[in-house]
């Protein structure tokens, strides 16, 4: 009888564990990088905190008055990498990255990159 109760308890624990789902929270970060000649565009890194407040981090524009500004691209890469490192430090994992490009004309447009992070709820 004790064996039967032990087996039943073991099976019940296994079944309840199989149906239990881990609870996750998600956070999306969006990088919008403007492609406008002369440095006139606006580039931002957008996040929403746990209270639903929008946070904007300024990114540099791809172009300056003389053309593509590789220093600005380097600074943007550094800013985005620092953001990702900060998310990892808070136990977030990068779940998905999606990108898009929009340009009304050949000389202007935006690059959008969305980073979806996930972690177990506390």
PDB file of N, CA and C in Angstrom:
ATOM      1  N   UNK A   1       0.826  -1.189   0.000  1.00  0.00           N
ATOM      2  CA  UNK A   1       0.000   0.000   0.000  1.00  0.00           C
ATOM      3  C   UNK A   1       0.875   1.259   0.000  1.00  0.00           C
ATOM      4  N   UNK A   2       1.946   1.219   0.808  1.00  0.00           N
ATOM      5  CA  UNK A   2       2.841   2.375   0.852  1.00  0.00           C
ATOM      6  C   UNK A   2       3.486   2.590  -0.508  1.00  0.00           C
ATOM      7  N   UNK A   3       3.824   1.469  -1.161  1.00  0.00           N
ATOM      8  CA  UNK A   3       4.420   1.572  -2.489  1.00  0.00           C
ATOM      9  C   UNK A   3       3.446   2.217  -3.465  1.00  0.00           C
ATOM     10  N   UNK A   4       2.191   1.833  -3.382  1.00  0.00           N
ATOM     11  CA  UNK A   4       1.168   2.367  -4.271  1.00  0.00           C
ATOM     12  C   UNK A   4       0.979   3.860  -4.029  1.00  0.00           C
ATOM     13  N   UNK A   5       0.949   4.276  -2.767  1.00  0.00           N
ATOM     14  CA  UNK A   5       0.818   5.701  -2.443  1.00  0.00           C
ATOM     15  C   UNK A   5       2.029   6.483  -2.934  1.00  0.00           C
ATOM     16  N   UNK A   6       3.205   5.898  -2.763  1.00  0.00           N
ATOM     17  CA  UNK A   6       4.424   6.560  -3.225  1.00  0.00           C
ATOM     18  C   UNK A   6       4.404   6.739  -4.740  1.00  0.00           C
ATOM     19  N   UNK A   7       4.027   5.688  -5.465  1.00  0.00           N
ATOM     20  CA  UNK A   7       3.962   5.754  -6.924  1.00  0.00           C
ATOM     21  C   UNK A   7       2.908   6.765  -7.358  1.00  0.00           C
ATOM     22  N   UNK A   8       1.749   6.758  -6.694  1.00  0.00           N
ATOM     23  CA  UNK A   8       0.678   7.704  -7.038  1.00  0.00           C
ATOM     24  C   UNK A   8       1.138   9.139  -6.799  1.00  0.00           C
ATOM     25  N   UNK A   9       1.820   9.386  -5.687  1.00  0.00           N
ATOM     26  CA  UNK A   9       2.324  10.730  -5.392  1.00  0.00           C
ATOM     27  C   UNK A   9       3.371  11.144  -6.419  1.00  0.00           C
ATOM     28  N   UNK A  10       4.220  10.222  -6.789  1.00  0.00           N
ATOM     29  CA  UNK A  10       5.255  10.505  -7.782  1.00  0.00           C
ATOM     30  C   UNK A  10       4.635  10.842  -9.135  1.00  0.00           C
ATOM     31  N   UNK A  11       3.638  10.066  -9.555  1.00  0.00           N
ATOM     32  CA  UNK A  11       2.961  10.311 -10.829  1.00  0.00           C
ATOM     33  C   UNK A  11       2.228  11.642 -10.786  1.00  0.00           C
ATOM     34  N   UNK A  12       1.540  11.917  -9.678  1.00  0.00           N
ATOM     35  CA  UNK A  12       0.810  13.183  -9.535  1.00  0.00           C
ATOM     36  C   UNK A  12       1.765  14.371  -9.594  1.00  0.00           C
ATOM     37  N   UNK A  13       2.906  14.265  -8.949  1.00  0.00           N
ATOM     38  CA  UNK A  13       3.893  15.351  -8.992  1.00  0.00           C
ATOM     39  C   UNK A  13       4.416  15.543 -10.410  1.00  0.00           C
ATOM     40  N   UNK A  14       4.642  14.461 -11.113  1.00  0.00           N
ATOM     41  CA  UNK A  14       5.116  14.555 -12.494  1.00  0.00           C
ATOM     42  C   UNK A  14       4.089  15.171 -13.413  1.00  0.00           C
ATOM     43  N   UNK A  15       2.823  14.785 -13.238  1.00  0.00           N
ATOM     44  CA  UNK A  15       1.756  15.327 -14.081  1.00  0.00           C
ATOM     45  C   UNK A  15       1.554  16.806 -13.797  1.00  0.00           C
ATOM     46  N   UNK A  16       1.541  17.191 -12.532  1.00  0.00           N
ATOM     47  CA  UNK A  16       1.341  18.611 -12.217  1.00  0.00           C
ATOM     48  C   UNK A  16       2.523  19.438 -12.699  1.00  0.00           C
ATOM     49  N   UNK A  17       3.723  18.879 -12.654  1.00  0.00           N
ATOM     50  CA  UNK A  17       4.890  19.588 -13.176  1.00  0.00           C
ATOM     51  C   UNK A  17       4.844  19.735 -14.679  1.00  0.00           C
ATOM     52  N   UNK A  18       4.259  18.750 -15.354  1.00  0.00           N
ATOM     53  CA  UNK A  18       4.167  18.812 -16.810  1.00  0.00           C
ATOM     54  C   UNK A  18       3.199  19.894 -17.256  1.00  0.00           C
ATOM     55  N   UNK A  19       2.153  20.145 -16.461  1.00  0.00           N
ATOM     56  CA  UNK A  19       1.162  21.152 -16.834  1.00  0.00           C
ATOM     57  C   UNK A  19       1.502  22.539 -16.307  1.00  0.00           C
ATOM     58  N   UNK A  20       2.408  22.613 -15.360  1.00  0.00           N
ATOM     59  CA  UNK A  20       2.803  23.920 -14.828  1.00  0.00           C
ATOM     60  C   UNK A  20       3.648  24.634 -15.873  1.00  0.00           C
ATOM     61  N   UNK A  21       3.307  25.870 -16.134  1.00  0.00           N
ATOM     62  CA  UNK A  21       4.064  26.647 -17.109  1.00  0.00           C
ATOM     63  C   UNK A  21       4.846  27.732 -16.383  1.00  0.00           C
ATOM     64  N   UNK A  22       6.069  27.911 -16.819  1.00  0.00           N
ATOM     65  CA  UNK A  22       6.870  28.991 -16.249  1.00  0.00           C
ATOM     66  C   UNK A  22       6.265  30.321 -16.674  1.00  0.00           C
ATOM     67  N   UNK A  23       6.259  31.245 -15.781  1.00  0.00           N
ATOM     68  CA  UNK A  23       5.725  32.575 -16.072  1.00  0.00           C
ATOM     69  C   UNK A  23       6.886  33.470 -16.482  1.00  0.00           C
ATOM     70  N   UNK A  24       6.738  34.096 -17.613  1.00  0.00           N
ATOM     71  CA  UNK A  24       7.790  34.951 -18.140  1.00  0.00           C
ATOM     72  C   UNK A  24       7.286  36.376 -18.282  1.00  0.00           C
ATOM     73  N   UNK A  25       8.220  37.285 -18.248  1.00  0.00           N
ATOM     74  CA  UNK A  25       7.920  38.662 -18.616  1.00  0.00           C
ATOM     75  C   UNK A  25       8.791  39.003 -19.819  1.00  0.00           C
ATOM     76  N   UNK A  26       8.290  39.911 -20.629  1.00  0.00           N
ATOM     77  CA  UNK A  26       8.977  40.276 -21.854  1.00  0.00           C
ATOM     78  C   UNK A  26       9.224  41.774 -21.884  1.00  0.00           C
ATOM     79  N   UNK A  27      10.283  42.149 -22.544  1.00  0.00           N
ATOM     80  CA  UNK A  27      10.581  43.564 -22.748  1.00  0.00           C
ATOM     81  C   UNK A  27      11.110  43.728 -24.165  1.00  0.00           C
ATOM     82  N   UNK A  28      10.577  44.725 -24.835  1.00  0.00           N
ATOM     83  CA  UNK A  28      11.012  45.000 -26.205  1.00  0.00           C
ATOM     84  C   UNK A  28      11.788  46.309 -26.233  1.00  0.00           C
ATOM     85  N   UNK A  29      12.881  46.296 -26.952  1.00  0.00           N
ATOM     86  CA  UNK A  29      13.698  47.487 -27.166  1.00  0.00           C
ATOM     87  C   UNK A  29      13.737  47.724 -28.667  1.00  0.00           C
ATOM     88  N   UNK A  30      13.490  48.962 -29.078  1.00  0.00           N
ATOM     89  CA  UNK A  30      13.460  49.292 -30.497  1.00  0.00           C
ATOM     90  C   UNK A  30      14.520  50.332 -30.804  1.00  0.00           C
ATOM     91  N   UNK A  31      15.383  50.022 -31.749  1.00  0.00           N
ATOM     92  CA  UNK A  31      16.377  50.980 -32.241  1.00  0.00           C
ATOM     93  C   UNK A  31      15.860  51.528 -33.564  1.00  0.00           C
ATOM     94  N   UNK A  32      15.718  52.842 -33.633  1.00  0.00           N
ATOM     95  CA  UNK A  32      15.305  53.515 -34.862  1.00  0.00           C
ATOM     96  C   UNK A  32      16.475  54.380 -35.293  1.00  0.00           C
ATOM     97  N   UNK A  33      17.056  54.038 -36.427  1.00  0.00           N
ATOM     98  CA  UNK A  33      18.220  54.765 -36.920  1.00  0.00           C
ATOM     99  C   UNK A  33      17.851  55.441 -38.230  1.00  0.00           C
ATOM    100  N   UNK A  34      17.933  56.753 -38.203  1.00  0.00           N
ATOM    101  CA  UNK A  34      17.497  57.574 -39.321  1.00  0.00           C
ATOM    102  C   UNK A  34      18.588  57.716 -40.370  1.00  0.00           C
ATOM    103  N   UNK A  35      18.161  57.659 -41.623  1.00  0.00           N
ATOM    104  CA  UNK A  35      19.078  57.853 -42.743  1.00  0.00           C
ATOM    105  C   UNK A  35      18.605  59.104 -43.476  1.00  0.00           C
ATOM    106  N   UNK A  36      19.105  60.247 -43.019  1.00  0.00           N
ATOM    107  CA  UNK A  36      18.767  61.529 -43.636  1.00  0.00           C
ATOM    108  C   UNK A  36      20.071  62.271 -43.869  1.00  0.00           C
ATOM    109  N   UNK A  37      20.343  62.686 -45.085  1.00  0.00           N
ATOM    110  CA  UNK A  37      21.597  63.392 -45.371  1.00  0.00           C
ATOM    111  C   UNK A  37      21.764  64.644 -44.509  1.00  0.00           C
ATOM    112  N   UNK A  38      23.004  64.960 -44.223  1.00  0.00           N
ATOM    113  CA  UNK A  38      23.314  66.178 -43.482  1.00  0.00           C
ATOM    114  C   UNK A  38      23.127  66.063 -41.986  1.00  0.00           C
ATOM    115  N   UNK A  39      22.866  64.871 -41.480  1.00  0.00           N
ATOM    116  CA  UNK A  39      22.706  64.699 -40.041  1.00  0.00           C
ATOM    117  C   UNK A  39      21.416  65.264 -39.494  1.00  0.00           C
ATOM    118  N   UNK A  40      20.412  65.456 -40.340  1.00  0.00           N
ATOM    119  CA  UNK A  40      19.157  66.067 -39.906  1.00  0.00           C
ATOM    120  C   UNK A  40      18.163  65.068 -39.323  1.00  0.00           C
ATOM    121  N   UNK A  41      18.442  63.783 -39.420  1.00  0.00           N
ATOM    122  CA  UNK A  41      17.509  62.773 -38.926  1.00  0.00           C
ATOM    123  C   UNK A  41      17.546  62.648 -37.413  1.00  0.00           C
ATOM    124  N   UNK A  42      16.595  61.879 -36.888  1.00  0.00           N
ATOM    125  CA  UNK A  42      16.546  61.603 -35.453  1.00  0.00           C
ATOM    126  C   UNK A  42      16.641  60.103 -35.250  1.00  0.00           C
ATOM    127  N   UNK A  43      17.600  59.680 -34.466  1.00  0.00           N
ATOM    128  CA  UNK A  43      17.784  58.257 -34.180  1.00  0.00           C
ATOM    129  C   UNK A  43      17.641  58.046 -32.684  1.00  0.00           C
ATOM    130  N   UNK A  44      16.926  56.982 -32.304  1.00  0.00           N
ATOM    131  CA  UNK A  44      16.636  56.746 -30.893  1.00  0.00           C
ATOM    132  C   UNK A  44      16.639  55.254 -30.580  1.00  0.00           C
ATOM    133  N   UNK A  45      16.872  54.962 -29.304  1.00  0.00           N
ATOM    134  CA  UNK A  45      16.714  53.629 -28.744  1.00  0.00           C
ATOM    135  C   UNK A  45      15.546  53.744 -27.772  1.00  0.00           C
ATOM    136  N   UNK A  46      14.445  53.048 -28.042  1.00  0.00           N
ATOM    137  CA  UNK A  46      13.219  53.185 -27.254  1.00  0.00           C
ATOM    138  C   UNK A  46      12.990  51.946 -26.402  1.00  0.00           C
ATOM    139  N   UNK A  47      12.699  52.171 -25.117  1.00  0.00           N
ATOM    140  CA  UNK A  47      12.345  51.085 -24.209  1.00  0.00           C
ATOM    141  C   UNK A  47      11.143  51.519 -23.383  1.00  0.00           C
ATOM    142  N   UNK A  48      10.451  50.548 -22.844  1.00  0.00           N
ATOM    143  CA  UNK A  48       9.355  50.818 -21.924  1.00  0.00           C
ATOM    144  C   UNK A  48       9.702  50.136 -20.615  1.00  0.00           C
ATOM    145  N   UNK A  49       9.652  50.888 -19.512  1.00  0.00           N
ATOM    146  CA  UNK A  49       9.992  50.290 -18.228  1.00  0.00           C
ATOM    147  C   UNK A  49       8.805  49.505 -17.675  1.00  0.00           C
ATOM    148  N   UNK A  50       8.991  48.900 -16.490  1.00  0.00           N
ATOM    149  CA  UNK A  50       7.948  48.040 -15.923  1.00  0.00           C
ATOM    150  C   UNK A  50       6.674  48.800 -15.584  1.00  0.00           C
ATOM    151  N   UNK A  51       6.766  50.129 -15.453  1.00  0.00           N
ATOM    152  CA  UNK A  51       5.588  50.945 -15.162  1.00  0.00           C
ATOM    153  C   UNK A  51       4.917  51.465 -16.426  1.00  0.00           C
ATOM    154  N   UNK A  52       5.450  51.099 -17.582  1.00  0.00           N
ATOM    155  CA  UNK A  52       4.860  51.518 -18.848  1.00  0.00           C
ATOM    156  C   UNK A  52       5.351  52.862 -19.357  1.00  0.00           C
ATOM    157  N   UNK A  53       6.371  53.419 -18.724  1.00  0.00           N
ATOM    158  CA  UNK A  53       6.918  54.706 -19.155  1.00  0.00           C
ATOM    159  C   UNK A  53       7.908  54.511 -20.301  1.00  0.00           C
ATOM    160  N   UNK A  54       7.792  55.360 -21.306  1.00  0.00           N
ATOM    161  CA  UNK A  54       8.682  55.296 -22.461  1.00  0.00           C
ATOM    162  C   UNK A  54      10.003  55.979 -22.135  1.00  0.00           C
ATOM    163  N   UNK A  55      11.087  55.288 -22.412  1.00  0.00           N
ATOM    164  CA  UNK A  55      12.426  55.845 -22.231  1.00  0.00           C
ATOM    165  C   UNK A  55      13.089  55.953 -23.593  1.00  0.00           C
ATOM    166  N   UNK A  56      13.721  57.082 -23.844  1.00  0.00           N
ATOM    167  CA  UNK A  56      14.427  57.305 -25.104  1.00  0.00           C
ATOM    168  C   UNK A  56      15.898  57.550 -24.824  1.00  0.00           C
ATOM    169  N   UNK A  57      16.738  56.848 -25.554  1.00  0.00           N
ATOM    170  CA  UNK A  57      18.179  57.093 -25.514  1.00  0.00           C
ATOM    171  C   UNK A  57      18.555  57.599 -26.894  1.00  0.00           C
ATOM    172  N   UNK A  58      19.207  58.746 -26.939  1.00  0.00           N
ATOM    173  CA  UNK A  58      19.571  59.342 -28.223  1.00  0.00           C
ATOM    174  C   UNK A  58      20.683  58.535 -28.878  1.00  0.00           C
ATOM    175  N   UNK A  59      20.495  58.237 -30.147  1.00  0.00           N
ATOM    176  CA  UNK A  59      21.536  57.630 -30.971  1.00  0.00           C
ATOM    177  C   UNK A  59      22.010  58.668 -31.974  1.00  0.00           C
ATOM    178  N   UNK A  60      23.211  58.476 -32.463  1.00  0.00           N
ATOM    179  CA  UNK A  60      23.766  59.391 -33.453  1.00  0.00           C
ATOM    180  C   UNK A  60      23.216  59.054 -34.837  1.00  0.00           C
ATOM    181  N   UNK A  61      23.173  60.035 -35.703  1.00  0.00           N
ATOM    182  CA  UNK A  61      22.702  59.815 -37.067  1.00  0.00           C
ATOM    183  C   UNK A  61      23.797  59.179 -37.912  1.00  0.00           C
ATOM    184  N   UNK A  62      23.391  58.358 -38.877  1.00  0.00           N
ATOM    185  CA  UNK A  62      24.343  57.703 -39.765  1.00  0.00           C
ATOM    186  C   UNK A  62      25.129  58.703 -40.604  1.00  0.00           C
ATOM    187  N   UNK A  63      24.474  59.788 -40.982  1.00  0.00           N
ATOM    188  CA  UNK A  63      25.093  60.749 -41.890  1.00  0.00           C
ATOM    189  C   UNK A  63      25.441  62.045 -41.178  1.00  0.00           C
ATOM    190  N   UNK A  64      26.525  62.661 -41.606  1.00  0.00           N
ATOM    191  CA  UNK A  64      26.862  64.024 -41.214  1.00  0.00           C
ATOM    192  C   UNK A  64      26.870  64.846 -42.501  1.00  0.00           C
ATOM    193  N   UNK A  65      27.341  66.059 -42.434  1.00  0.00           N
ATOM    194  CA  UNK A  65      27.341  66.912 -43.625  1.00  0.00           C
ATOM    195  C   UNK A  65      28.235  66.388 -44.742  1.00  0.00           C
ATOM    196  N   UNK A  66      29.217  65.559 -44.387  1.00  0.00           N
ATOM    197  CA  UNK A  66      30.156  65.063 -45.401  1.00  0.00           C
ATOM    198  C   UNK A  66      29.844  63.642 -45.872  1.00  0.00           C
ATOM    199  N   UNK A  67      28.784  63.026 -45.366  1.00  0.00           N
ATOM    200  CA  UNK A  67      28.419  61.675 -45.795  1.00  0.00           C
ATOM    201  C   UNK A  67      28.283  60.729 -44.619  1.00  0.00           C
ATOM    202  N   UNK A  68      28.509  59.453 -44.879  1.00  0.00           N
ATOM    203  CA  UNK A  68      28.387  58.446 -43.824  1.00  0.00           C
ATOM    204  C   UNK A  68      29.415  58.735 -42.734  1.00  0.00           C
ATOM    205  N   UNK A  69      28.955  58.740 -41.489  1.00  0.00           N
ATOM    206  CA  UNK A  69      29.825  59.027 -40.362  1.00  0.00           C
ATOM    207  C   UNK A  69      30.061  57.723 -39.593  1.00  0.00           C
ATOM    208  N   UNK A  70      31.205  57.086 -39.844  1.00  0.00           N
ATOM    209  CA  UNK A  70      31.494  55.804 -39.223  1.00  0.00           C
ATOM    210  C   UNK A  70      31.715  55.931 -37.721  1.00  0.00           C
ATOM    211  N   UNK A  71      32.143  57.098 -37.269  1.00  0.00           N
ATOM    212  CA  UNK A  71      32.271  57.332 -35.828  1.00  0.00           C
ATOM    213  C   UNK A  71      30.914  57.266 -35.141  1.00  0.00           C
ATOM    214  N   UNK A  72      29.892  57.821 -35.786  1.00  0.00           N
ATOM    215  CA  UNK A  72      28.538  57.764 -35.233  1.00  0.00           C
ATOM    216  C   UNK A  72      28.014  56.330 -35.209  1.00  0.00           C
ATOM    217  N   UNK A  73      28.300  55.584 -36.261  1.00  0.00           N
ATOM    218  CA  UNK A  73      27.871  54.188 -36.307  1.00  0.00           C
ATOM    219  C   UNK A  73      28.532  53.408 -35.176  1.00  0.00           C
ATOM    220  N   UNK A  74      29.817  53.673 -34.945  1.00  0.00           N
ATOM    221  CA  UNK A  74      30.545  53.017 -33.858  1.00  0.00           C
ATOM    222  C   UNK A  74      29.919  53.363 -32.506  1.00  0.00           C
ATOM    223  N   UNK A  75      29.572  54.631 -32.293  1.00  0.00           N
ATOM    224  CA  UNK A  75      28.947  55.047 -31.033  1.00  0.00           C
ATOM    225  C   UNK A  75      27.586  54.376 -30.841  1.00  0.00           C
ATOM    226  N   UNK A  76      26.807  54.265 -31.917  1.00  0.00           N
ATOM    227  CA  UNK A  76      25.513  53.589 -31.829  1.00  0.00           C
ATOM    228  C   UNK A  76      25.688  52.118 -31.461  1.00  0.00           C
ATOM    229  N   UNK A  77      26.656  51.461 -32.091  1.00  0.00           N
ATOM    230  CA  UNK A  77      26.928  50.058 -31.769  1.00  0.00           C
ATOM    231  C   UNK A  77      27.296  49.909 -30.298  1.00  0.00           C
ATOM    232  N   UNK A  78      28.104  50.818 -29.799  1.00  0.00           N
ATOM    233  CA  UNK A  78      28.516  50.790 -28.393  1.00  0.00           C
ATOM    234  C   UNK A  78      27.312  50.990 -27.469  1.00  0.00           C
ATOM    235  N   UNK A  79      26.449  51.940 -27.799  1.00  0.00           N
ATOM    236  CA  UNK A  79      25.259  52.210 -26.985  1.00  0.00           C
ATOM    237  C   UNK A  79      24.335  50.998 -26.952  1.00  0.00           C
ATOM    238  N   UNK A  80      24.095  50.396 -28.109  1.00  0.00           N
ATOM    239  CA  UNK A  80      23.207  49.235 -28.184  1.00  0.00           C
ATOM    240  C   UNK A  80      23.819  48.036 -27.464  1.00  0.00           C
ATOM    241  N   UNK A  81      25.123  47.822 -27.624  1.00  0.00           N
ATOM    242  CA  UNK A  81      25.800  46.726 -26.930  1.00  0.00           C
ATOM    243  C   UNK A  81      25.738  46.920 -25.421  1.00  0.00           C
ATOM    244  N   UNK A  82      25.938  48.139 -24.942  1.00  0.00           N
ATOM    245  CA  UNK A  82      25.839  48.420 -23.506  1.00  0.00           C
ATOM    246  C   UNK A  82      24.430  48.138 -22.988  1.00  0.00           C
ATOM    247  N   UNK A  83      23.407  48.476 -23.781  1.00  0.00           N
ATOM    248  CA  UNK A  83      22.032  48.206 -23.388  1.00  0.00           C
ATOM    249  C   UNK A  83      21.812  46.698 -23.271  1.00  0.00           C
ATOM    250  N   UNK A  84      22.297  45.933 -24.246  1.00  0.00           N
ATOM    251  CA  UNK A  84      22.132  44.477 -24.216  1.00  0.00           C
ATOM    252  C   UNK A  84      22.866  43.884 -23.017  1.00  0.00           C
ATOM    253  N   UNK A  85      24.079  44.347 -22.741  1.00  0.00           N
ATOM    254  CA  UNK A  85      24.830  43.868 -21.576  1.00  0.00           C
ATOM    255  C   UNK A  85      24.081  44.168 -20.286  1.00  0.00           C
ATOM    256  N   UNK A  86      23.460  45.346 -20.200  1.00  0.00           N
ATOM    257  CA  UNK A  86      22.665  45.698 -19.025  1.00  0.00           C
ATOM    258  C   UNK A  86      21.461  44.787 -18.854  1.00  0.00           C
ATOM    259  N   UNK A  87      20.824  44.436 -19.959  1.00  0.00           N
ATOM    260  CA  UNK A  87      19.676  43.529 -19.892  1.00  0.00           C
ATOM    261  C   UNK A  87      20.124  42.143 -19.414  1.00  0.00           C
ATOM    262  N   UNK A  88      21.253  41.662 -19.923  1.00  0.00           N
ATOM    263  CA  UNK A  88      21.773  40.367 -19.481  1.00  0.00           C
ATOM    264  C   UNK A  88      22.123  40.406 -17.993  1.00  0.00           C
ATOM    265  N   UNK A  89      22.654  41.512 -17.517  1.00  0.00           N
ATOM    266  CA  UNK A  89      22.997  41.644 -16.099  1.00  0.00           C
ATOM    267  C   UNK A  89      21.752  41.566 -15.218  1.00  0.00           C
ATOM    268  N   UNK A  90      20.592  41.911 -15.776  1.00  0.00           N
ATOM    269  CA  UNK A  90      19.322  41.840 -15.045  1.00  0.00           C
ATOM    270  C   UNK A  90      18.581  40.531 -15.341  1.00  0.00           C
ATOM    271  N   UNK A  91      19.317  39.533 -15.829  1.00  0.00           N
ATOM    272  CA  UNK A  91      18.804  38.185 -16.103  1.00  0.00           C
ATOM    273  C   UNK A  91      17.824  38.094 -17.266  1.00  0.00           C
ATOM    274  N   UNK A  92      17.849  39.052 -18.172  1.00  0.00           N
ATOM    275  CA  UNK A  92      17.052  38.960 -19.388  1.00  0.00           C
ATOM    276  C   UNK A  92      17.838  38.150 -20.404  1.00  0.00           C
ATOM    277  N   UNK A  93      17.150  37.408 -21.248  1.00  0.00           N
ATOM    278  CA  UNK A  93      17.792  36.719 -22.364  1.00  0.00           C
ATOM    279  C   UNK A  93      17.199  37.259 -23.663  1.00  0.00           C
ATOM    280  N   UNK A  94      18.030  37.334 -24.667  1.00  0.00           N
ATOM    281  CA  UNK A  94      17.587  37.829 -25.968  1.00  0.00           C
ATOM    282  C   UNK A  94      16.831  36.708 -26.671  1.00  0.00           C
ATOM    283  N   UNK A  95      15.548  36.917 -26.861  1.00  0.00           N
ATOM    284  CA  UNK A  95      14.669  35.894 -27.432  1.00  0.00           C
ATOM    285  C   UNK A  95      14.573  35.995 -28.956  1.00  0.00           C
ATOM    286  N   UNK A  96      14.544  37.226 -29.476  1.00  0.00           N
ATOM    287  CA  UNK A  96      14.347  37.404 -30.908  1.00  0.00           C
ATOM    288  C   UNK A  96      14.847  38.785 -31.328  1.00  0.00           C
ATOM    289  N   UNK A  97      15.310  38.881 -32.555  1.00  0.00           N
ATOM    290  CA  UNK A  97      15.683  40.161 -33.159  1.00  0.00           C
ATOM    291  C   UNK A  97      14.995  40.225 -34.512  1.00  0.00           C
ATOM    292  N   UNK A  98      14.306  41.335 -34.776  1.00  0.00           N
ATOM    293  CA  UNK A  98      13.690  41.516 -36.093  1.00  0.00           C
ATOM    294  C   UNK A  98      14.064  42.896 -36.618  1.00  0.00           C
ATOM    295  N   UNK A  99      14.204  42.986 -37.919  1.00  0.00           N
ATOM    296  CA  UNK A  99      14.644  44.237 -38.529  1.00  0.00           C
ATOM    297  C   UNK A  99      13.697  44.648 -39.643  1.00  0.00           C
ATOM    298  N   UNK A 100      13.745  45.927 -39.938  1.00  0.00           N
ATOM    299  CA  UNK A 100      12.962  46.455 -41.044  1.00  0.00           C
ATOM    300  C   UNK A 100      13.595  47.722 -41.571  1.00  0.00           C
ATOM    301  N   UNK A 101      13.312  48.015 -42.812  1.00  0.00           N
ATOM    302  CA  UNK A 101      13.830  49.217 -43.458  1.00  0.00           C
ATOM    303  C   UNK A 101      12.665  49.905 -44.137  1.00  0.00           C
ATOM    304  N   UNK A 102      12.605  51.218 -43.988  1.00  0.00           N
ATOM    305  CA  UNK A 102      11.580  51.988 -44.685  1.00  0.00           C
ATOM    306  C   UNK A 102      12.243  53.194 -45.324  1.00  0.00           C
ATOM    307  N   UNK A 103      11.911  53.453 -46.556  1.00  0.00           N
ATOM    308  CA  UNK A 103      12.429  54.631 -47.238  1.00  0.00           C
ATOM    309  C   UNK A 103      11.422  55.130 -48.250  1.00  0.00           C
ATOM    310  N   UNK A 104      10.944  56.349 -48.047  1.00  0.00           N
ATOM    311  CA  UNK A 104       9.998  56.942 -48.991  1.00  0.00           C
ATOM    312  C   UNK A 104      10.714  57.333 -50.275  1.00  0.00           C
ATOM    313  N   UNK A 105      11.959  57.728 -50.116  1.00  0.00           N
ATOM    314  CA  UNK A 105      12.789  58.105 -51.266  1.00  0.00           C
ATOM    315  C   UNK A 105      14.105  57.351 -51.140  1.00  0.00           C
ATOM    316  N   UNK A 106      14.918  57.445 -52.144  1.00  0.00           N
ATOM    317  CA  UNK A 106      16.214  56.773 -52.077  1.00  0.00           C
ATOM    318  C   UNK A 106      17.184  57.486 -51.146  1.00  0.00           C
ATOM    319  N   UNK A 107      16.960  58.764 -50.885  1.00  0.00           N
ATOM    320  CA  UNK A 107      17.928  59.526 -50.088  1.00  0.00           C
ATOM    321  C   UNK A 107      17.579  59.577 -48.602  1.00  0.00           C
ATOM    322  N   UNK A 108      16.399  59.118 -48.208  1.00  0.00           N
ATOM    323  CA  UNK A 108      16.012  59.150 -46.795  1.00  0.00           C
ATOM    324  C   UNK A 108      15.383  57.820 -46.411  1.00  0.00           C
ATOM    325  N   UNK A 109      15.321  57.579 -45.117  1.00  0.00           N
ATOM    326  CA  UNK A 109      14.677  56.367 -44.632  1.00  0.00           C
ATOM    327  C   UNK A 109      15.056  56.085 -43.195  1.00  0.00           C
ATOM    328  N   UNK A 110      14.576  54.955 -42.690  1.00  0.00           N
ATOM    329  CA  UNK A 110      14.919  54.537 -41.334  1.00  0.00           C
ATOM    330  C   UNK A 110      15.203  53.038 -41.325  1.00  0.00           C
ATOM    331  N   UNK A 111      16.082  52.665 -40.414  1.00  0.00           N
ATOM    332  CA  UNK A 111      16.328  51.268 -40.094  1.00  0.00           C
ATOM    333  C   UNK A 111      15.713  51.028 -38.725  1.00  0.00           C
ATOM    334  N   UNK A 112      14.909  49.991 -38.598  1.00  0.00           N
ATOM    335  CA  UNK A 112      14.305  49.651 -37.312  1.00  0.00           C
ATOM    336  C   UNK A 112      14.790  48.257 -36.926  1.00  0.00           C
ATOM    337  N   UNK A 113      15.283  48.142 -35.697  1.00  0.00           N
ATOM    338  CA  UNK A 113      15.674  46.845 -35.160  1.00  0.00           C
ATOM    339  C   UNK A 113      14.963  46.674 -33.833  1.00  0.00           C
ATOM    340  N   UNK A 114      14.234  45.575 -33.693  1.00  0.00           N
ATOM    341  CA  UNK A 114      13.519  45.292 -32.442  1.00  0.00           C
ATOM    342  C   UNK A 114      14.183  44.102 -31.765  1.00  0.00           C
ATOM    343  N   UNK A 115      14.483  44.293 -30.486  1.00  0.00           N
ATOM    344  CA  UNK A 115      15.091  43.264 -29.660  1.00  0.00           C
ATOM    345  C   UNK A 115      14.042  42.831 -28.642  1.00  0.00           C
ATOM    346  N   UNK A 116      13.688  41.551 -28.623  1.00  0.00           N
ATOM    347  CA  UNK A 116      12.719  41.033 -27.663  1.00  0.00           C
ATOM    348  C   UNK A 116      13.471  40.231 -26.611  1.00  0.00           C
ATOM    349  N   UNK A 117      13.333  40.658 -25.355  1.00  0.00           N
ATOM    350  CA  UNK A 117      13.994  40.000 -24.232  1.00  0.00           C
ATOM    351  C   UNK A 117      12.960  39.276 -23.383  1.00  0.00           C
ATOM    352  N   UNK A 118      13.411  38.209 -22.715  1.00  0.00           N
ATOM    353  CA  UNK A 118      12.528  37.409 -21.872  1.00  0.00           C
ATOM    354  C   UNK A 118      13.276  37.029 -20.600  1.00  0.00           C
ATOM    355  N   UNK A 119      12.521  36.962 -19.492  1.00  0.00           N
ATOM    356  CA  UNK A 119      13.069  36.401 -18.257  1.00  0.00           C
ATOM    357  C   UNK A 119      11.921  35.856 -17.421  1.00  0.00           C
ATOM    358  N   UNK A 120      12.268  34.964 -16.502  1.00  0.00           N
ATOM    359  CA  UNK A 120      11.248  34.407 -15.619  1.00  0.00           C
ATOM    360  C   UNK A 120      10.789  35.476 -14.649  1.00  0.00           C
ATOM    361  N   UNK A 121       9.479  35.486 -14.397  1.00  0.00           N
ATOM    362  CA  UNK A 121       8.939  36.440 -13.422  1.00  0.00           C
ATOM    363  C   UNK A 121       9.428  36.062 -12.040  1.00  0.00           C
ATOM    364  N   UNK A 122       9.630  37.084 -11.250  1.00  0.00           N
ATOM    365  CA  UNK A 122      10.112  36.849  -9.880  1.00  0.00           C
ATOM    366  C   UNK A 122       8.957  36.615  -8.950  1.00  0.00           C
TER     367      UNK A 122
END
